[in-house]
Amino acid sequence: MPRTNRRRDEDAVPIDPDRILSGARRTVVKRDGEWTTQTMSASAAAKAYVCPGCSGTIEPGTAHLVAWRADSILGDADAVAQRRHWHRRCWDIRP
């Protein structure tokens, strides 16, 4: 009988839709340095934020992007504390 490579149901890892939809972290080089970005899914966006690109409000339940310095001289913890939430379009047109 041929061998199967399928997992048994009890071995299966549950799927976390928020993790799948939240997107992977990426490092982006802009004119003012390196930035780490991560997309925020609509289901994970629970608060209102002010976009630094347009000064408009990112309403709860709106998918958007979070960015922080990847090359911060004060370290990663400070860079993450200084992260900002952007409309995706505002981030894309930023030089």
N, C-alpha and C. Protein backbone atom coordinates (compact mmCIF):
# COMPACT_ATOMS: atom_id res chain seq x y z
N MET A 1 0.86 -1.17 0.00
CA MET A 1 0.00 0.00 0.00
C MET A 1 0.91 1.24 0.00
N PRO A 2 0.57 2.26 -0.81
CA PRO A 2 1.41 3.46 -0.87
C PRO A 2 1.35 4.26 0.42
N ARG A 3 2.44 4.89 0.71
CA ARG A 3 2.54 5.72 1.90
C ARG A 3 1.92 7.09 1.62
N THR A 4 1.30 7.69 2.61
CA THR A 4 0.71 9.02 2.45
C THR A 4 1.50 10.03 3.28
N ASN A 5 1.63 11.24 2.76
CA ASN A 5 2.35 12.30 3.47
C ASN A 5 1.39 13.29 4.14
N ARG A 6 0.14 12.97 4.13
CA ARG A 6 -0.84 13.86 4.75
C ARG A 6 -0.79 13.77 6.26
N ARG A 7 -1.04 14.90 6.90
CA ARG A 7 -1.10 14.92 8.36
C ARG A 7 -2.44 14.37 8.84
N ARG A 8 -2.40 13.79 10.00
CA ARG A 8 -3.65 13.39 10.62
C ARG A 8 -4.31 14.63 11.20
N ASP A 9 -5.62 14.60 11.36
CA ASP A 9 -6.36 15.75 11.87
C ASP A 9 -5.86 16.22 13.23
N GLU A 10 -5.47 15.30 14.08
CA GLU A 10 -5.01 15.72 15.40
C GLU A 10 -3.64 16.40 15.35
N ASP A 11 -2.87 16.24 14.27
CA ASP A 11 -1.57 16.88 14.11
C ASP A 11 -1.66 18.24 13.41
N ALA A 12 -2.83 18.55 12.88
CA ALA A 12 -2.97 19.78 12.10
C ALA A 12 -2.85 21.02 12.98
N VAL A 13 -2.17 22.03 12.44
CA VAL A 13 -2.02 23.31 13.15
C VAL A 13 -3.20 24.18 12.78
N PRO A 14 -3.90 24.75 13.77
CA PRO A 14 -5.05 25.60 13.44
C PRO A 14 -4.61 26.85 12.67
N ILE A 15 -5.45 27.27 11.75
CA ILE A 15 -5.16 28.45 10.94
C ILE A 15 -5.60 29.69 11.69
N ASP A 16 -4.70 30.68 11.76
CA ASP A 16 -5.00 31.96 12.41
C ASP A 16 -5.21 33.00 11.31
N PRO A 17 -6.47 33.32 10.97
CA PRO A 17 -6.72 34.24 9.86
C PRO A 17 -6.12 35.63 10.07
N ASP A 18 -6.08 36.12 11.31
CA ASP A 18 -5.49 37.44 11.56
C ASP A 18 -4.00 37.44 11.23
N ARG A 19 -3.31 36.36 11.56
CA ARG A 19 -1.88 36.27 11.24
C ARG A 19 -1.65 36.22 9.74
N ILE A 20 -2.49 35.51 9.03
CA ILE A 20 -2.35 35.42 7.58
C ILE A 20 -2.63 36.76 6.93
N LEU A 21 -3.67 37.44 7.39
CA LEU A 21 -4.06 38.71 6.78
C LEU A 21 -3.17 39.87 7.20
N SER A 22 -2.43 39.73 8.30
CA SER A 22 -1.66 40.87 8.80
C SER A 22 -0.41 41.15 7.98
N GLY A 23 0.04 40.23 7.19
CA GLY A 23 1.17 40.48 6.32
C GLY A 23 2.51 40.38 7.04
N ALA A 24 3.52 40.13 6.25
CA ALA A 24 4.86 39.98 6.79
C ALA A 24 5.54 41.34 6.92
N ARG A 25 6.50 41.40 7.78
CA ARG A 25 7.29 42.62 7.92
C ARG A 25 8.26 42.72 6.75
N ARG A 26 8.44 43.94 6.29
CA ARG A 26 9.35 44.20 5.18
C ARG A 26 10.24 45.38 5.55
N THR A 27 11.44 45.40 5.04
CA THR A 27 12.31 46.55 5.18
C THR A 27 12.28 47.32 3.87
N VAL A 28 11.99 48.61 3.97
CA VAL A 28 11.85 49.47 2.81
C VAL A 28 12.86 50.61 2.92
N VAL A 29 13.53 50.93 1.83
CA VAL A 29 14.46 52.04 1.84
C VAL A 29 13.77 53.25 1.22
N LYS A 30 13.67 54.31 1.99
CA LYS A 30 13.12 55.58 1.52
C LYS A 30 14.25 56.61 1.53
N ARG A 31 13.95 57.81 1.09
CA ARG A 31 14.97 58.85 1.00
C ARG A 31 15.59 59.16 2.36
N ASP A 32 14.82 59.05 3.42
CA ASP A 32 15.31 59.40 4.75
C ASP A 32 15.80 58.20 5.56
N GLY A 33 15.99 57.06 4.95
CA GLY A 33 16.55 55.90 5.64
C GLY A 33 15.75 54.62 5.44
N GLU A 34 16.06 53.64 6.25
CA GLU A 34 15.39 52.33 6.18
C GLU A 34 14.23 52.29 7.15
N TRP A 35 13.14 51.71 6.69
CA TRP A 35 11.92 51.59 7.49
C TRP A 35 11.46 50.15 7.47
N THR A 36 10.91 49.70 8.58
CA THR A 36 10.24 48.40 8.65
C THR A 36 8.75 48.67 8.54
N THR A 37 8.08 47.93 7.67
CA THR A 37 6.64 48.11 7.48
C THR A 37 5.92 46.78 7.69
N GLN A 38 4.69 46.89 8.12
CA GLN A 38 3.83 45.72 8.27
C GLN A 38 2.41 46.15 8.00
N THR A 39 1.70 45.38 7.19
CA THR A 39 0.31 45.70 6.92
C THR A 39 -0.56 45.31 8.10
N MET A 40 -1.60 46.08 8.32
CA MET A 40 -2.56 45.83 9.41
C MET A 40 -3.89 45.51 8.73
N SER A 41 -4.42 44.33 8.99
CA SER A 41 -5.69 43.94 8.38
C SER A 41 -6.83 44.74 8.98
N ALA A 42 -7.93 44.81 8.26
CA ALA A 42 -9.10 45.54 8.74
C ALA A 42 -9.62 44.95 10.05
N SER A 43 -9.58 43.63 10.18
CA SER A 43 -10.08 43.00 11.41
C SER A 43 -9.18 43.27 12.61
N ALA A 44 -7.91 43.55 12.37
CA ALA A 44 -6.98 43.81 13.47
C ALA A 44 -6.92 45.30 13.84
N ALA A 45 -7.47 46.17 13.00
CA ALA A 45 -7.43 47.61 13.24
C ALA A 45 -8.58 48.00 14.16
N ALA A 46 -8.29 48.11 15.44
CA ALA A 46 -9.34 48.34 16.43
C ALA A 46 -9.45 49.79 16.89
N LYS A 47 -8.46 50.61 16.60
CA LYS A 47 -8.45 52.00 17.06
C LYS A 47 -8.40 52.94 15.86
N ALA A 48 -8.69 54.20 16.12
CA ALA A 48 -8.53 55.25 15.11
C ALA A 48 -7.11 55.81 15.22
N TYR A 49 -6.49 56.08 14.08
CA TYR A 49 -5.15 56.63 14.03
C TYR A 49 -5.15 57.84 13.10
N VAL A 50 -4.17 58.71 13.26
CA VAL A 50 -4.00 59.85 12.36
C VAL A 50 -2.83 59.52 11.44
N CYS A 51 -3.08 59.54 10.14
CA CYS A 51 -2.04 59.26 9.15
C CYS A 51 -1.09 60.46 9.07
N PRO A 52 0.22 60.24 9.24
CA PRO A 52 1.15 61.36 9.16
C PRO A 52 1.33 61.89 7.73
N GLY A 53 0.90 61.13 6.74
CA GLY A 53 1.04 61.56 5.36
C GLY A 53 0.01 62.60 4.94
N CYS A 54 -1.23 62.42 5.37
CA CYS A 54 -2.31 63.31 4.95
C CYS A 54 -3.03 63.97 6.11
N SER A 55 -2.67 63.61 7.32
CA SER A 55 -3.32 64.09 8.56
C SER A 55 -4.78 63.67 8.65
N GLY A 56 -5.19 62.73 7.81
CA GLY A 56 -6.54 62.20 7.87
C GLY A 56 -6.65 61.08 8.89
N THR A 57 -7.86 60.75 9.26
CA THR A 57 -8.09 59.70 10.25
C THR A 57 -8.18 58.34 9.57
N ILE A 58 -7.51 57.38 10.14
CA ILE A 58 -7.66 55.98 9.73
C ILE A 58 -8.67 55.39 10.70
N GLU A 59 -9.86 55.15 10.23
CA GLU A 59 -10.96 54.68 11.09
C GLU A 59 -10.74 53.23 11.51
N PRO A 60 -11.28 52.84 12.68
CA PRO A 60 -11.22 51.44 13.08
C PRO A 60 -11.85 50.55 12.00
N GLY A 61 -11.26 49.42 11.77
CA GLY A 61 -11.78 48.50 10.75
C GLY A 61 -11.27 48.80 9.36
N THR A 62 -10.28 49.71 9.22
CA THR A 62 -9.71 50.05 7.92
C THR A 62 -8.31 49.45 7.82
N ALA A 63 -8.07 48.67 6.78
CA ALA A 63 -6.74 48.11 6.56
C ALA A 63 -5.76 49.25 6.28
N HIS A 64 -4.56 49.15 6.84
CA HIS A 64 -3.56 50.19 6.65
C HIS A 64 -2.17 49.61 6.87
N LEU A 65 -1.17 50.46 6.96
CA LEU A 65 0.21 50.03 7.08
C LEU A 65 0.84 50.69 8.31
N VAL A 66 1.68 49.95 9.01
CA VAL A 66 2.40 50.47 10.17
C VAL A 66 3.88 50.53 9.80
N ALA A 67 4.54 51.65 10.09
CA ALA A 67 5.95 51.82 9.74
C ALA A 67 6.74 52.36 10.92
N TRP A 68 7.98 51.86 11.06
CA TRP A 68 8.90 52.37 12.07
C TRP A 68 10.32 52.26 11.52
N ARG A 69 11.24 53.05 12.09
CA ARG A 69 12.62 53.11 11.61
C ARG A 69 13.31 51.76 11.79
N ALA A 70 13.97 51.31 10.75
CA ALA A 70 14.75 50.07 10.84
C ALA A 70 16.18 50.38 11.23
N ASP A 71 16.59 51.64 11.09
CA ASP A 71 17.97 52.03 11.35
C ASP A 71 18.06 53.04 12.50
N SER A 72 17.20 52.89 13.49
CA SER A 72 17.18 53.82 14.62
C SER A 72 18.45 53.69 15.45
N ILE A 73 19.06 54.81 15.78
CA ILE A 73 20.28 54.77 16.60
C ILE A 73 19.96 54.50 18.07
N LEU A 74 18.70 54.63 18.46
CA LEU A 74 18.30 54.37 19.84
C LEU A 74 17.86 52.94 20.08
N GLY A 75 17.86 52.11 19.04
CA GLY A 75 17.53 50.70 19.19
C GLY A 75 16.12 50.36 18.71
N ASP A 76 15.89 49.08 18.61
CA ASP A 76 14.63 48.57 18.08
C ASP A 76 13.43 48.90 18.98
N ALA A 77 13.62 48.81 20.29
CA ALA A 77 12.50 49.07 21.20
C ALA A 77 11.99 50.50 21.06
N ASP A 78 12.91 51.45 20.94
CA ASP A 78 12.51 52.85 20.76
C ASP A 78 11.86 53.05 19.39
N ALA A 79 12.39 52.40 18.37
CA ALA A 79 11.83 52.54 17.02
C ALA A 79 10.39 52.02 16.97
N VAL A 80 10.16 50.89 17.59
CA VAL A 80 8.80 50.32 17.62
C VAL A 80 7.86 51.23 18.40
N ALA A 81 8.35 51.83 19.47
CA ALA A 81 7.52 52.75 20.26
C ALA A 81 7.15 54.00 19.45
N GLN A 82 7.98 54.34 18.48
CA GLN A 82 7.74 55.53 17.65
C GLN A 82 7.02 55.20 16.34
N ARG A 83 6.49 54.00 16.21
CA ARG A 83 5.84 53.58 14.96
C ARG A 83 4.64 54.46 14.64
N ARG A 84 4.32 54.55 13.36
CA ARG A 84 3.19 55.36 12.90
C ARG A 84 2.32 54.53 11.96
N HIS A 85 1.05 54.83 11.99
CA HIS A 85 0.07 54.14 11.14
C HIS A 85 -0.24 55.03 9.94
N TRP A 86 -0.12 54.47 8.74
CA TRP A 86 -0.27 55.20 7.49
C TRP A 86 -1.38 54.59 6.64
N HIS A 87 -2.08 55.44 5.88
CA HIS A 87 -2.89 54.92 4.77
C HIS A 87 -1.90 54.29 3.79
N ARG A 88 -2.27 53.20 3.20
CA ARG A 88 -1.36 52.52 2.26
C ARG A 88 -0.95 53.45 1.12
N ARG A 89 -1.88 54.19 0.57
CA ARG A 89 -1.59 55.09 -0.54
C ARG A 89 -0.64 56.22 -0.11
N CYS A 90 -0.86 56.76 1.07
CA CYS A 90 0.01 57.84 1.57
C CYS A 90 1.45 57.33 1.72
N TRP A 91 1.62 56.10 2.21
CA TRP A 91 2.96 55.54 2.34
C TRP A 91 3.59 55.31 0.98
N ASP A 92 2.81 54.80 0.04
CA ASP A 92 3.36 54.49 -1.29
C ASP A 92 3.84 55.73 -2.03
N ILE A 93 3.17 56.87 -1.86
CA ILE A 93 3.58 58.07 -2.60
C ILE A 93 4.62 58.88 -1.84
N ARG A 94 4.92 58.49 -0.60
CA ARG A 94 5.95 59.17 0.18
C ARG A 94 7.31 58.93 -0.46
N PRO A 95 8.12 60.00 -0.61
CA PRO A 95 9.43 59.81 -1.26
C PRO A 95 10.40 59.00 -0.41
